[in-house]
Amino acid sequence: KVMRIADQALYAAKRRGRNRVVRADVLADSI
């Protein structure tokens, strides 16, 4: 589950322009 949420955050970083960090909250499944 932690890996899945981190992977979702990674794709969000890609969508937002790359070369950045996006943080996710595992408990809320929010990015």
PDB file of all heavy atoms in Angstrom:
ATOM      1  N   LYS A   1       0.829  -1.207   0.000  1.00  0.00           N
ATOM      2  CA  LYS A   1       0.000   0.000   0.000  1.00  0.00           C
ATOM      3  C   LYS A   1       0.866   1.259   0.000  1.00  0.00           C
ATOM      4  O   LYS A   1       0.592   2.212  -0.740  1.00  0.00           O
ATOM      5  CB  LYS A   1      -0.933   0.010   1.212  1.00  0.00           C
ATOM      6  CG  LYS A   1      -1.832   1.237   1.252  1.00  0.00           C
ATOM      7  CD  LYS A   1      -2.825   1.197   2.400  1.00  0.00           C
ATOM      8  CE  LYS A   1      -3.735   2.417   2.361  1.00  0.00           C
ATOM      9  NZ  LYS A   1      -4.725   2.415   3.465  1.00  0.00           N
ATOM     10  N   VAL A   2       1.914   1.270   0.827  1.00  0.00           N
ATOM     11  CA  VAL A   2       2.801   2.428   0.871  1.00  0.00           C
ATOM     12  C   VAL A   2       3.457   2.647  -0.491  1.00  0.00           C
ATOM     13  O   VAL A   2       3.549   3.778  -0.983  1.00  0.00           O
ATOM     14  CB  VAL A   2       3.891   2.253   1.953  1.00  0.00           C
ATOM     15  CG1 VAL A   2       4.689   3.538   2.110  1.00  0.00           C
ATOM     16  CG2 VAL A   2       3.288   1.855   3.274  1.00  0.00           C
ATOM     17  N   MET A   3       3.899   1.553  -1.123  1.00  0.00           N
ATOM     18  CA  MET A   3       4.523   1.641  -2.440  1.00  0.00           C
ATOM     19  C   MET A   3       3.534   2.168  -3.480  1.00  0.00           C
ATOM     20  O   MET A   3       3.884   2.982  -4.334  1.00  0.00           O
ATOM     21  CB  MET A   3       5.043   0.267  -2.867  1.00  0.00           C
ATOM     22  CG  MET A   3       6.093  -0.336  -1.949  1.00  0.00           C
ATOM     23  SD  MET A   3       7.670   0.516  -1.976  1.00  0.00           S
ATOM     24  CE  MET A   3       8.246   0.051  -3.605  1.00  0.00           C
ATOM     25  N   ARG A   4       2.301   1.704  -3.397  1.00  0.00           N
ATOM     26  CA  ARG A   4       1.283   2.138  -4.360  1.00  0.00           C
ATOM     27  C   ARG A   4       1.021   3.639  -4.245  1.00  0.00           C
ATOM     28  O   ARG A   4       0.938   4.346  -5.254  1.00  0.00           O
ATOM     29  CB  ARG A   4      -0.011   1.356  -4.143  1.00  0.00           C
ATOM     30  CG  ARG A   4      -1.170   1.810  -5.026  1.00  0.00           C
ATOM     31  CD  ARG A   4      -2.391   0.919  -4.837  1.00  0.00           C
ATOM     32  NE  ARG A   4      -2.907   0.940  -3.485  1.00  0.00           N
ATOM     33  CZ  ARG A   4      -3.709   1.895  -3.008  1.00  0.00           C
ATOM     34  NH1 ARG A   4      -4.065   2.902  -3.773  1.00  0.00           N
ATOM     35  NH2 ARG A   4      -4.148   1.825  -1.763  1.00  0.00           N
ATOM     36  N   ILE A   5       0.902   4.132  -3.019  1.00  0.00           N
ATOM     37  CA  ILE A   5       0.638   5.553  -2.819  1.00  0.00           C
ATOM     38  C   ILE A   5       1.839   6.396  -3.247  1.00  0.00           C
ATOM     39  O   ILE A   5       1.694   7.459  -3.860  1.00  0.00           O
ATOM     40  CB  ILE A   5       0.278   5.842  -1.350  1.00  0.00           C
ATOM     41  CG1 ILE A   5      -0.934   5.020  -0.928  1.00  0.00           C
ATOM     42  CG2 ILE A   5      -0.002   7.320  -1.147  1.00  0.00           C
ATOM     43  CD1 ILE A   5      -2.189   5.277  -1.724  1.00  0.00           C
ATOM     44  N   ALA A   6       3.048   5.916  -2.942  1.00  0.00           N
ATOM     45  CA  ALA A   6       4.252   6.627  -3.374  1.00  0.00           C
ATOM     46  C   ALA A   6       4.328   6.681  -4.895  1.00  0.00           C
ATOM     47  O   ALA A   6       4.740   7.694  -5.483  1.00  0.00           O
ATOM     48  CB  ALA A   6       5.501   5.955  -2.805  1.00  0.00           C
ATOM     49  N   ASP A   7       3.914   5.600  -5.543  1.00  0.00           N
ATOM     50  CA  ASP A   7       3.919   5.552  -7.005  1.00  0.00           C
ATOM     51  C   ASP A   7       2.898   6.539  -7.586  1.00  0.00           C
ATOM     52  O   ASP A   7       3.163   7.203  -8.590  1.00  0.00           O
ATOM     53  CB  ASP A   7       3.607   4.131  -7.472  1.00  0.00           C
ATOM     54  CG  ASP A   7       4.246   3.809  -8.809  1.00  0.00           C
ATOM     55  OD1 ASP A   7       5.405   4.217  -9.022  1.00  0.00           O
ATOM     56  OD2 ASP A   7       3.595   3.168  -9.644  1.00  0.00           O
ATOM     57  N   GLN A   8       1.745   6.658  -6.946  1.00  0.00           N
ATOM     58  CA  GLN A   8       0.759   7.637  -7.382  1.00  0.00           C
ATOM     59  C   GLN A   8       1.304   9.057  -7.254  1.00  0.00           C
ATOM     60  O   GLN A   8       1.085   9.906  -8.127  1.00  0.00           O
ATOM     61  CB  GLN A   8      -0.522   7.493  -6.552  1.00  0.00           C
ATOM     62  CG  GLN A   8      -1.310   6.224  -6.840  1.00  0.00           C
ATOM     63  CD  GLN A   8      -2.503   6.067  -5.919  1.00  0.00           C
ATOM     64  OE1 GLN A   8      -2.711   6.862  -5.008  1.00  0.00           O
ATOM     65  NE2 GLN A   8      -3.296   5.017  -6.140  1.00  0.00           N
ATOM     66  N   ALA A   9       2.012   9.310  -6.156  1.00  0.00           N
ATOM     67  CA  ALA A   9       2.624  10.624  -5.958  1.00  0.00           C
ATOM     68  C   ALA A   9       3.689  10.892  -7.025  1.00  0.00           C
ATOM     69  O   ALA A   9       3.835  12.022  -7.511  1.00  0.00           O
ATOM     70  CB  ALA A   9       3.226  10.718  -4.564  1.00  0.00           C
ATOM     71  N   LEU A  10       4.427   9.846  -7.404  1.00  0.00           N
ATOM     72  CA  LEU A  10       5.426   9.993  -8.454  1.00  0.00           C
ATOM     73  C   LEU A  10       4.771  10.409  -9.777  1.00  0.00           C
ATOM     74  O   LEU A  10       5.258  11.319 -10.462  1.00  0.00           O
ATOM     75  CB  LEU A  10       6.191   8.673  -8.633  1.00  0.00           C
ATOM     76  CG  LEU A  10       7.116   8.581  -9.844  1.00  0.00           C
ATOM     77  CD1 LEU A  10       8.206   9.638  -9.788  1.00  0.00           C
ATOM     78  CD2 LEU A  10       7.726   7.179  -9.939  1.00  0.00           C
ATOM     79  N   TYR A  11       3.684   9.749 -10.137  1.00  0.00           N
ATOM     80  CA  TYR A  11       2.997  10.110 -11.380  1.00  0.00           C
ATOM     81  C   TYR A  11       2.437  11.527 -11.311  1.00  0.00           C
ATOM     82  O   TYR A  11       2.399  12.242 -12.321  1.00  0.00           O
ATOM     83  CB  TYR A  11       1.898   9.099 -11.688  1.00  0.00           C
ATOM     84  CG  TYR A  11       2.435   7.818 -12.273  1.00  0.00           C
ATOM     85  CD1 TYR A  11       2.412   6.630 -11.542  1.00  0.00           C
ATOM     86  CD2 TYR A  11       2.994   7.794 -13.551  1.00  0.00           C
ATOM     87  CE1 TYR A  11       2.932   5.453 -12.067  1.00  0.00           C
ATOM     88  CE2 TYR A  11       3.506   6.624 -14.082  1.00  0.00           C
ATOM     89  CZ  TYR A  11       3.478   5.454 -13.337  1.00  0.00           C
ATOM     90  OH  TYR A  11       4.001   4.299 -13.864  1.00  0.00           O
ATOM     91  N   ALA A  12       2.020  11.950 -10.117  1.00  0.00           N
ATOM     92  CA  ALA A  12       1.562  13.328  -9.945  1.00  0.00           C
ATOM     93  C   ALA A  12       2.714  14.310 -10.189  1.00  0.00           C
ATOM     94  O   ALA A  12       2.531  15.361 -10.811  1.00  0.00           O
ATOM     95  CB  ALA A  12       0.985  13.524  -8.548  1.00  0.00           C
ATOM     96  N   ALA A  13       3.907  13.951  -9.722  1.00  0.00           N
ATOM     97  CA  ALA A  13       5.085  14.796  -9.951  1.00  0.00           C
ATOM     98  C   ALA A  13       5.384  14.906 -11.447  1.00  0.00           C
ATOM     99  O   ALA A  13       5.754  15.976 -11.946  1.00  0.00           O
ATOM    100  CB  ALA A  13       6.292  14.221  -9.209  1.00  0.00           C
ATOM    101  N   LYS A  14       5.216  13.801 -12.154  1.00  0.00           N
ATOM    102  CA  LYS A  14       5.428  13.816 -13.606  1.00  0.00           C
ATOM    103  C   LYS A  14       4.414  14.740 -14.283  1.00  0.00           C
ATOM    104  O   LYS A  14       4.756  15.542 -15.159  1.00  0.00           O
ATOM    105  CB  LYS A  14       5.291  12.395 -14.164  1.00  0.00           C
ATOM    106  CG  LYS A  14       6.366  11.422 -13.729  1.00  0.00           C
ATOM    107  CD  LYS A  14       7.674  11.691 -14.431  1.00  0.00           C
ATOM    108  CE  LYS A  14       8.674  10.574 -14.182  1.00  0.00           C
ATOM    109  NZ  LYS A  14       9.964  10.835 -14.860  1.00  0.00           N
ATOM    110  N   ARG A  15       3.154  14.626 -13.881  1.00  0.00           N
ATOM    111  CA  ARG A  15       2.101  15.440 -14.494  1.00  0.00           C
ATOM    112  C   ARG A  15       2.293  16.928 -14.214  1.00  0.00           C
ATOM    113  O   ARG A  15       1.898  17.769 -15.024  1.00  0.00           O
ATOM    114  CB  ARG A  15       0.723  15.003 -13.983  1.00  0.00           C
ATOM    115  CG  ARG A  15       0.276  13.628 -14.461  1.00  0.00           C
ATOM    116  CD  ARG A  15      -1.216  13.412 -14.207  1.00  0.00           C
ATOM    117  NE  ARG A  15      -1.551  13.552 -12.798  1.00  0.00           N
ATOM    118  CZ  ARG A  15      -1.546  12.554 -11.925  1.00  0.00           C
ATOM    119  NH1 ARG A  15      -1.202  11.329 -12.318  1.00  0.00           N
ATOM    120  NH2 ARG A  15      -1.886  12.760 -10.665  1.00  0.00           N
ATOM    121  N   ARG A  16       2.896  17.233 -13.076  1.00  0.00           N
ATOM    122  CA  ARG A  16       3.052  18.634 -12.678  1.00  0.00           C
ATOM    123  C   ARG A  16       4.322  19.275 -13.237  1.00  0.00           C
ATOM    124  O   ARG A  16       4.687  20.377 -12.842  1.00  0.00           O
ATOM    125  CB  ARG A  16       3.017  18.743 -11.157  1.00  0.00           C
ATOM    126  CG  ARG A  16       1.667  18.333 -10.564  1.00  0.00           C
ATOM    127  CD  ARG A  16       1.671  18.350  -9.044  1.00  0.00           C
ATOM    128  NE  ARG A  16       0.443  17.756  -8.516  1.00  0.00           N
ATOM    129  CZ  ARG A  16       0.175  17.650  -7.219  1.00  0.00           C
ATOM    130  NH1 ARG A  16       1.042  18.094  -6.313  1.00  0.00           N
ATOM    131  NH2 ARG A  16      -0.959  17.094  -6.822  1.00  0.00           N
ATOM    132  N   GLY A  17       5.006  18.567 -14.126  1.00  0.00           N
ATOM    133  CA  GLY A  17       6.144  19.179 -14.806  1.00  0.00           C
ATOM    134  C   GLY A  17       7.486  18.513 -14.601  1.00  0.00           C
ATOM    135  O   GLY A  17       8.497  18.962 -15.122  1.00  0.00           O
ATOM    136  N   ARG A  18       7.553  17.443 -13.807  1.00  0.00           N
ATOM    137  CA  ARG A  18       8.789  16.690 -13.561  1.00  0.00           C
ATOM    138  C   ARG A  18       9.783  17.500 -12.711  1.00  0.00           C
ATOM    139  O   ARG A  18       9.546  18.650 -12.398  1.00  0.00           O
ATOM    140  CB  ARG A  18       9.452  16.244 -14.871  1.00  0.00           C
ATOM    141  CG  ARG A  18       8.566  15.350 -15.743  1.00  0.00           C
ATOM    142  CD  ARG A  18       9.297  14.950 -17.019  1.00  0.00           C
ATOM    143  NE  ARG A  18       8.505  14.027 -17.805  1.00  0.00           N
ATOM    144  CZ  ARG A  18       7.608  14.392 -18.698  1.00  0.00           C
ATOM    145  NH1 ARG A  18       7.371  15.686 -18.896  1.00  0.00           N
ATOM    146  NH2 ARG A  18       6.934  13.488 -19.377  1.00  0.00           N
ATOM    147  N   ASN A  19      10.876  16.850 -12.351  1.00  0.00           N
ATOM    148  CA  ASN A  19      11.944  17.474 -11.563  1.00  0.00           C
ATOM    149  C   ASN A  19      11.368  18.115 -10.296  1.00  0.00           C
ATOM    150  O   ASN A  19      11.662  19.267  -9.966  1.00  0.00           O
ATOM    151  CB  ASN A  19      12.704  18.514 -12.388  1.00  0.00           C
ATOM    152  CG  ASN A  19      13.959  19.019 -11.658  1.00  0.00           C
ATOM    153  OD1 ASN A  19      14.527  18.323 -10.815  1.00  0.00           O
ATOM    154  ND2 ASN A  19      14.366  20.239 -11.986  1.00  0.00           N
ATOM    155  N   ARG A  20      10.550  17.353  -9.579  1.00  0.00           N
ATOM    156  CA  ARG A  20       9.939  17.864  -8.353  1.00  0.00           C
ATOM    157  C   ARG A  20       9.576  16.713  -7.423  1.00  0.00           C
ATOM    158  O   ARG A  20       9.578  15.551  -7.818  1.00  0.00           O
ATOM    159  CB  ARG A  20       8.696  18.689  -8.665  1.00  0.00           C
ATOM    160  CG  ARG A  20       7.537  17.883  -9.265  1.00  0.00           C
ATOM    161  CD  ARG A  20       6.412  18.818  -9.692  1.00  0.00           C
ATOM    162  NE  ARG A  20       6.868  19.722 -10.738  1.00  0.00           N
ATOM    163  CZ  ARG A  20       6.592  21.024 -10.772  1.00  0.00           C
ATOM    164  NH1 ARG A  20       5.853  21.569  -9.832  1.00  0.00           N
ATOM    165  NH2 ARG A  20       7.044  21.786 -11.747  1.00  0.00           N
ATOM    166  N   VAL A  21       9.258  17.068  -6.181  1.00  0.00           N
ATOM    167  CA  VAL A  21       8.839  16.105  -5.171  1.00  0.00           C
ATOM    168  C   VAL A  21       7.361  16.317  -4.872  1.00  0.00           C
ATOM    169  O   VAL A  21       6.919  17.450  -4.663  1.00  0.00           O
ATOM    170  CB  VAL A  21       9.649  16.276  -3.861  1.00  0.00           C
ATOM    171  CG1 VAL A  21       9.143  15.320  -2.776  1.00  0.00           C
ATOM    172  CG2 VAL A  21      11.138  16.060  -4.106  1.00  0.00           C
ATOM    173  N   VAL A  22       6.595  15.234  -4.876  1.00  0.00           N
ATOM    174  CA  VAL A  22       5.191  15.290  -4.470  1.00  0.00           C
ATOM    175  C   VAL A  22       4.991  14.321  -3.321  1.00  0.00           C
ATOM    176  O   VAL A  22       5.423  13.166  -3.380  1.00  0.00           O
ATOM    177  CB  VAL A  22       4.243  14.946  -5.636  1.00  0.00           C
ATOM    178  CG1 VAL A  22       2.812  14.771  -5.136  1.00  0.00           C
ATOM    179  CG2 VAL A  22       4.300  16.034  -6.699  1.00  0.00           C
ATOM    180  N   ARG A  23       4.337  14.794  -2.282  1.00  0.00           N
ATOM    181  CA  ARG A  23       4.151  14.011  -1.057  1.00  0.00           C
ATOM    182  C   ARG A  23       2.711  13.493  -0.984  1.00  0.00           C
ATOM    183  O   ARG A  23       1.771  14.195  -1.313  1.00  0.00           O
ATOM    184  CB  ARG A  23       4.453  14.866   0.159  1.00  0.00           C
ATOM    185  CG  ARG A  23       4.481  14.096   1.466  1.00  0.00           C
ATOM    186  CD  ARG A  23       4.875  15.011   2.599  1.00  0.00           C
ATOM    187  NE  ARG A  23       3.882  16.048   2.840  1.00  0.00           N
ATOM    188  CZ  ARG A  23       4.107  17.143   3.588  1.00  0.00           C
ATOM    189  NH1 ARG A  23       5.286  17.348   4.101  1.00  0.00           N
ATOM    190  NH2 ARG A  23       3.135  18.020   3.775  1.00  0.00           N
ATOM    191  N   ALA A  24       2.573  12.258  -0.511  1.00  0.00           N
ATOM    192  CA  ALA A  24       1.248  11.664  -0.343  1.00  0.00           C
ATOM    193  C   ALA A  24       1.040  11.244   1.099  1.00  0.00           C
ATOM    194  O   ALA A  24       1.988  10.922   1.808  1.00  0.00           O
ATOM    195  CB  ALA A  24       1.102  10.444  -1.256  1.00  0.00           C
ATOM    196  N   ASP A  25      -0.211  11.221   1.509  1.00  0.00           N
ATOM    197  CA  ASP A  25      -0.593  10.772   2.843  1.00  0.00           C
ATOM    198  C   ASP A  25      -1.219   9.385   2.709  1.00  0.00           C
ATOM    199  O   ASP A  25      -2.291   9.247   2.130  1.00  0.00           O
ATOM    200  CB  ASP A  25      -1.600  11.754   3.445  1.00  0.00           C
ATOM    201  CG  ASP A  25      -1.952  11.397   4.884  1.00  0.00           C
ATOM    202  OD1 ASP A  25      -1.690  10.251   5.297  1.00  0.00           O
ATOM    203  OD2 ASP A  25      -2.493  12.268   5.574  1.00  0.00           O
ATOM    204  N   VAL A  26      -0.560   8.359   3.207  1.00  0.00           N
ATOM    205  CA  VAL A  26      -1.041   6.992   3.053  1.00  0.00           C
ATOM    206  C   VAL A  26      -2.393   6.787   3.726  1.00  0.00           C
ATOM    207  O   VAL A  26      -3.281   6.132   3.199  1.00  0.00           O
ATOM    208  CB  VAL A  26      -0.016   5.986   3.608  1.00  0.00           C
ATOM    209  CG1 VAL A  26      -0.609   4.582   3.651  1.00  0.00           C
ATOM    210  CG2 VAL A  26       1.238   5.988   2.755  1.00  0.00           C
ATOM    211  N   LEU A  27      -2.557   7.355   4.904  1.00  0.00           N
ATOM    212  CA  LEU A  27      -3.796   7.126   5.649  1.00  0.00           C
ATOM    213  C   LEU A  27      -5.007   7.681   4.923  1.00  0.00           C
ATOM    214  O   LEU A  27      -6.071   7.067   4.897  1.00  0.00           O
ATOM    215  CB  LEU A  27      -3.683   7.776   7.045  1.00  0.00           C
ATOM    216  CG  LEU A  27      -2.629   7.152   7.965  1.00  0.00           C
ATOM    217  CD1 LEU A  27      -2.585   7.903   9.280  1.00  0.00           C
ATOM    218  CD2 LEU A  27      -2.917   5.683   8.202  1.00  0.00           C
ATOM    219  N   ALA A  28      -4.848   8.840   4.299  1.00  0.00           N
ATOM    220  CA  ALA A  28      -5.970   9.457   3.613  1.00  0.00           C
ATOM    221  C   ALA A  28      -5.971   9.167   2.115  1.00  0.00           C
ATOM    222  O   ALA A  28      -6.906   9.504   1.408  1.00  0.00           O
ATOM    223  CB  ALA A  28      -5.963  10.963   3.826  1.00  0.00           C
ATOM    224  N   ASP A  29      -4.901   8.498   1.643  1.00  0.00           N
ATOM    225  CA  ASP A  29      -4.731   8.262   0.208  1.00  0.00           C
ATOM    226  C   ASP A  29      -4.834   9.564  -0.591  1.00  0.00           C
ATOM    227  O   ASP A  29      -5.329   9.579  -1.721  1.00  0.00           O
ATOM    228  CB  ASP A  29      -5.791   7.275  -0.330  1.00  0.00           C
ATOM    229  CG  ASP A  29      -5.417   5.840   0.012  1.00  0.00           C
ATOM    230  OD1 ASP A  29      -4.581   5.668   0.914  1.00  0.00           O
ATOM    231  OD2 ASP A  29      -5.966   4.922  -0.596  1.00  0.00           O
ATOM    232  N   SER A  30      -4.364  10.654  -0.015  1.00  0.00           N
ATOM    233  CA  SER A  30      -4.420  11.924  -0.714  1.00  0.00           C
ATOM    234  C   SER A  30      -3.030  12.362  -1.084  1.00  0.00           C
ATOM    235  O   SER A  30      -2.050  11.989  -0.462  1.00  0.00           O
ATOM    236  CB  SER A  30      -5.079  12.993   0.181  1.00  0.00           C
ATOM    237  OG  SER A  30      -4.306  13.227   1.333  1.00  0.00           O
ATOM    238  N   ILE A  31      -2.947  13.183  -2.123  1.00  0.00           N
ATOM    239  CA  ILE A  31      -1.653  13.630  -2.631  1.00  0.00           C
ATOM    240  C   ILE A  31      -1.588  15.144  -2.500  1.00  0.00           C
ATOM    241  O   ILE A  31      -2.477  15.869  -2.930  1.00  0.00           O
ATOM    242  CB  ILE A  31      -1.458  13.203  -4.089  1.00  0.00           C
ATOM    243  CG1 ILE A  31      -1.407  11.666  -4.172  1.00  0.00           C
ATOM    244  CG2 ILE A  31      -0.189  13.789  -4.664  1.00  0.00           C
ATOM    245  CD1 ILE A  31      -1.340  11.131  -5.572  1.00  0.00           C
TER     246      ILE A  31
END
